[in-house]
């Protein structure tokens, strides 16, 4: 097989499987940074670097969700404490 054909096939594979999927990952990063947690991470389950990045994004998303839950819980507790001290 001609080495030019091998290089061309390799470039086609890389562009199809990595670069085409990158916009999804970028959208997810922007959504996460804007505190939008309603998105689904598209690339989970891939066995490449994009899949690893998707797993990391899922971790960040879950951590952010937990932070919001803890902040809400803290606000409720502070409100109860204020009500008790006002009695």
C-alpha atoms as a PDB file:
ATOM      1  CA  UNK A   1       0.000   0.000   0.000  1.00  0.00           C
ATOM      2  CA  UNK A   2       1.271   3.442  -0.878  1.00  0.00           C
ATOM      3  CA  UNK A   3       2.424   5.471   2.152  1.00  0.00           C
ATOM      4  CA  UNK A   4       0.427   8.466   0.906  1.00  0.00           C
ATOM      5  CA  UNK A   5      -2.758   6.386   1.027  1.00  0.00           C
ATOM      6  CA  UNK A   6      -1.939   5.286   4.589  1.00  0.00           C
ATOM      7  CA  UNK A   7      -1.364   8.886   5.672  1.00  0.00           C
ATOM      8  CA  UNK A   8      -4.540  10.030   3.937  1.00  0.00           C
ATOM      9  CA  UNK A   9      -6.570   7.285   5.650  1.00  0.00           C
ATOM     10  CA  UNK A  10      -5.040   8.138   9.020  1.00  0.00           C
ATOM     11  CA  UNK A  11      -5.880  11.823   8.595  1.00  0.00           C
ATOM     12  CA  UNK A  12      -9.430  10.967   7.549  1.00  0.00           C
ATOM     13  CA  UNK A  13      -9.857   8.778  10.639  1.00  0.00           C
ATOM     14  CA  UNK A  14      -8.508  11.437  12.993  1.00  0.00           C
ATOM     15  CA  UNK A  15     -10.605  14.195  11.489  1.00  0.00           C
ATOM     16  CA  UNK A  16     -13.773  12.077  11.582  1.00  0.00           C
ATOM     17  CA  UNK A  17     -13.393  10.653  15.074  1.00  0.00           C
ATOM     18  CA  UNK A  18     -11.760  13.487  16.982  1.00  0.00           C
ATOM     19  CA  UNK A  19     -12.217  16.847  15.305  1.00  0.00           C
ATOM     20  CA  UNK A  20     -15.853  16.297  14.324  1.00  0.00           C
ATOM     21  CA  UNK A  21     -16.784  15.544  17.956  1.00  0.00           C
ATOM     22  CA  UNK A  22     -14.966  18.510  19.440  1.00  0.00           C
ATOM     23  CA  UNK A  23     -17.836  21.026  19.050  1.00  0.00           C
ATOM     24  CA  UNK A  24     -20.022  18.904  21.370  1.00  0.00           C
ATOM     25  CA  UNK A  25     -17.314  18.950  24.022  1.00  0.00           C
ATOM     26  CA  UNK A  26     -16.803  22.692  23.629  1.00  0.00           C
ATOM     27  CA  UNK A  27     -20.535  23.321  23.985  1.00  0.00           C
ATOM     28  CA  UNK A  28     -20.594  21.225  27.159  1.00  0.00           C
ATOM     29  CA  UNK A  29     -17.672  23.168  28.639  1.00  0.00           C
ATOM     30  CA  UNK A  30     -19.377  26.483  27.909  1.00  0.00           C
ATOM     31  CA  UNK A  31     -22.698  25.260  29.304  1.00  0.00           C
ATOM     32  CA  UNK A  32     -20.981  24.063  32.473  1.00  0.00           C
ATOM     33  CA  UNK A  33     -19.127  27.350  32.911  1.00  0.00           C
ATOM     34  CA  UNK A  34     -22.445  29.204  32.504  1.00  0.00           C
ATOM     35  CA  UNK A  35     -23.993  27.073  35.310  1.00  0.00           C
ATOM     36  CA  UNK A  36     -26.251  25.228  32.875  1.00  0.00           C
ATOM     37  CA  UNK A  37     -26.484  21.657  34.154  1.00  0.00           C
ATOM     38  CA  UNK A  38     -29.370  20.546  31.923  1.00  0.00           C
ATOM     39  CA  UNK A  39     -27.144  19.260  29.124  1.00  0.00           C
ATOM     40  CA  UNK A  40     -26.166  15.654  28.404  1.00  0.00           C
ATOM     41  CA  UNK A  41     -22.537  14.837  27.797  1.00  0.00           C
ATOM     42  CA  UNK A  42     -22.504  13.223  24.364  1.00  0.00           C
ATOM     43  CA  UNK A  43     -19.103  11.575  24.340  1.00  0.00           C
ATOM     44  CA  UNK A  44     -19.248   9.360  27.442  1.00  0.00           C
ATOM     45  CA  UNK A  45     -18.180   5.806  26.681  1.00  0.00           C
ATOM     46  CA  UNK A  46     -15.638   6.634  24.006  1.00  0.00           C
ATOM     47  CA  UNK A  47     -12.308   4.915  24.467  1.00  0.00           C
ATOM     48  CA  UNK A  48     -10.135   7.828  23.413  1.00  0.00           C
ATOM     49  CA  UNK A  49      -9.019  11.219  24.721  1.00  0.00           C
ATOM     50  CA  UNK A  50     -12.394  12.758  23.939  1.00  0.00           C
ATOM     51  CA  UNK A  51     -14.049  10.099  26.091  1.00  0.00           C
ATOM     52  CA  UNK A  52     -11.622  10.844  28.922  1.00  0.00           C
ATOM     53  CA  UNK A  53     -12.446  14.531  28.645  1.00  0.00           C
ATOM     54  CA  UNK A  54     -16.159  13.673  28.719  1.00  0.00           C
ATOM     55  CA  UNK A  55     -15.681  11.678  31.946  1.00  0.00           C
ATOM     56  CA  UNK A  56     -13.875  14.653  33.496  1.00  0.00           C
ATOM     57  CA  UNK A  57     -16.693  16.986  32.404  1.00  0.00           C
ATOM     58  CA  UNK A  58     -19.256  14.618  33.938  1.00  0.00           C
ATOM     59  CA  UNK A  59     -17.284  14.775  37.193  1.00  0.00           C
ATOM     60  CA  UNK A  60     -17.270  18.579  37.111  1.00  0.00           C
ATOM     61  CA  UNK A  61     -20.982  18.599  36.360  1.00  0.00           C
ATOM     62  CA  UNK A  62     -21.785  16.306  39.293  1.00  0.00           C
ATOM     63  CA  UNK A  63     -19.521  18.326  41.610  1.00  0.00           C
ATOM     64  CA  UNK A  64     -21.288  21.528  40.602  1.00  0.00           C
ATOM     65  CA  UNK A  65     -24.666  19.887  41.195  1.00  0.00           C
ATOM     66  CA  UNK A  66     -23.485  18.834  44.690  1.00  0.00           C
ATOM     67  CA  UNK A  67     -22.236  22.353  45.432  1.00  0.00           C
ATOM     68  CA  UNK A  68     -25.664  23.760  44.558  1.00  0.00           C
ATOM     69  CA  UNK A  69     -27.355  21.168  46.766  1.00  0.00           C
ATOM     70  CA  UNK A  70     -25.064  21.955  49.700  1.00  0.00           C
ATOM     71  CA  UNK A  71     -25.521  25.711  49.235  1.00  0.00           C
ATOM     72  CA  UNK A  72     -29.303  25.301  49.273  1.00  0.00           C
ATOM     73  CA  UNK A  73     -29.066  23.161  52.390  1.00  0.00           C
ATOM     74  CA  UNK A  74     -26.863  25.781  54.073  1.00  0.00           C
ATOM     75  CA  UNK A  75     -29.354  28.544  53.202  1.00  0.00           C
ATOM     76  CA  UNK A  76     -32.204  26.527  54.722  1.00  0.00           C
ATOM     77  CA  UNK A  77     -30.201  25.867  57.890  1.00  0.00           C
ATOM     78  CA  UNK A  78     -29.246  29.542  58.193  1.00  0.00           C
ATOM     79  CA  UNK A  79     -32.887  30.506  57.788  1.00  0.00           C
ATOM     80  CA  UNK A  80     -33.926  28.074  60.550  1.00  0.00           C
ATOM     81  CA  UNK A  81     -31.195  29.407  62.830  1.00  0.00           C
ATOM     82  CA  UNK A  82     -32.358  32.996  62.278  1.00  0.00           C
ATOM     83  CA  UNK A  83     -35.938  32.012  63.028  1.00  0.00           C
ATOM     84  CA  UNK A  84     -34.898  30.248  66.269  1.00  0.00           C
ATOM     85  CA  UNK A  85     -32.748  33.155  67.423  1.00  0.00           C
ATOM     86  CA  UNK A  86     -35.592  35.599  66.762  1.00  0.00           C
ATOM     87  CA  UNK A  87     -37.871  33.810  69.261  1.00  0.00           C
END
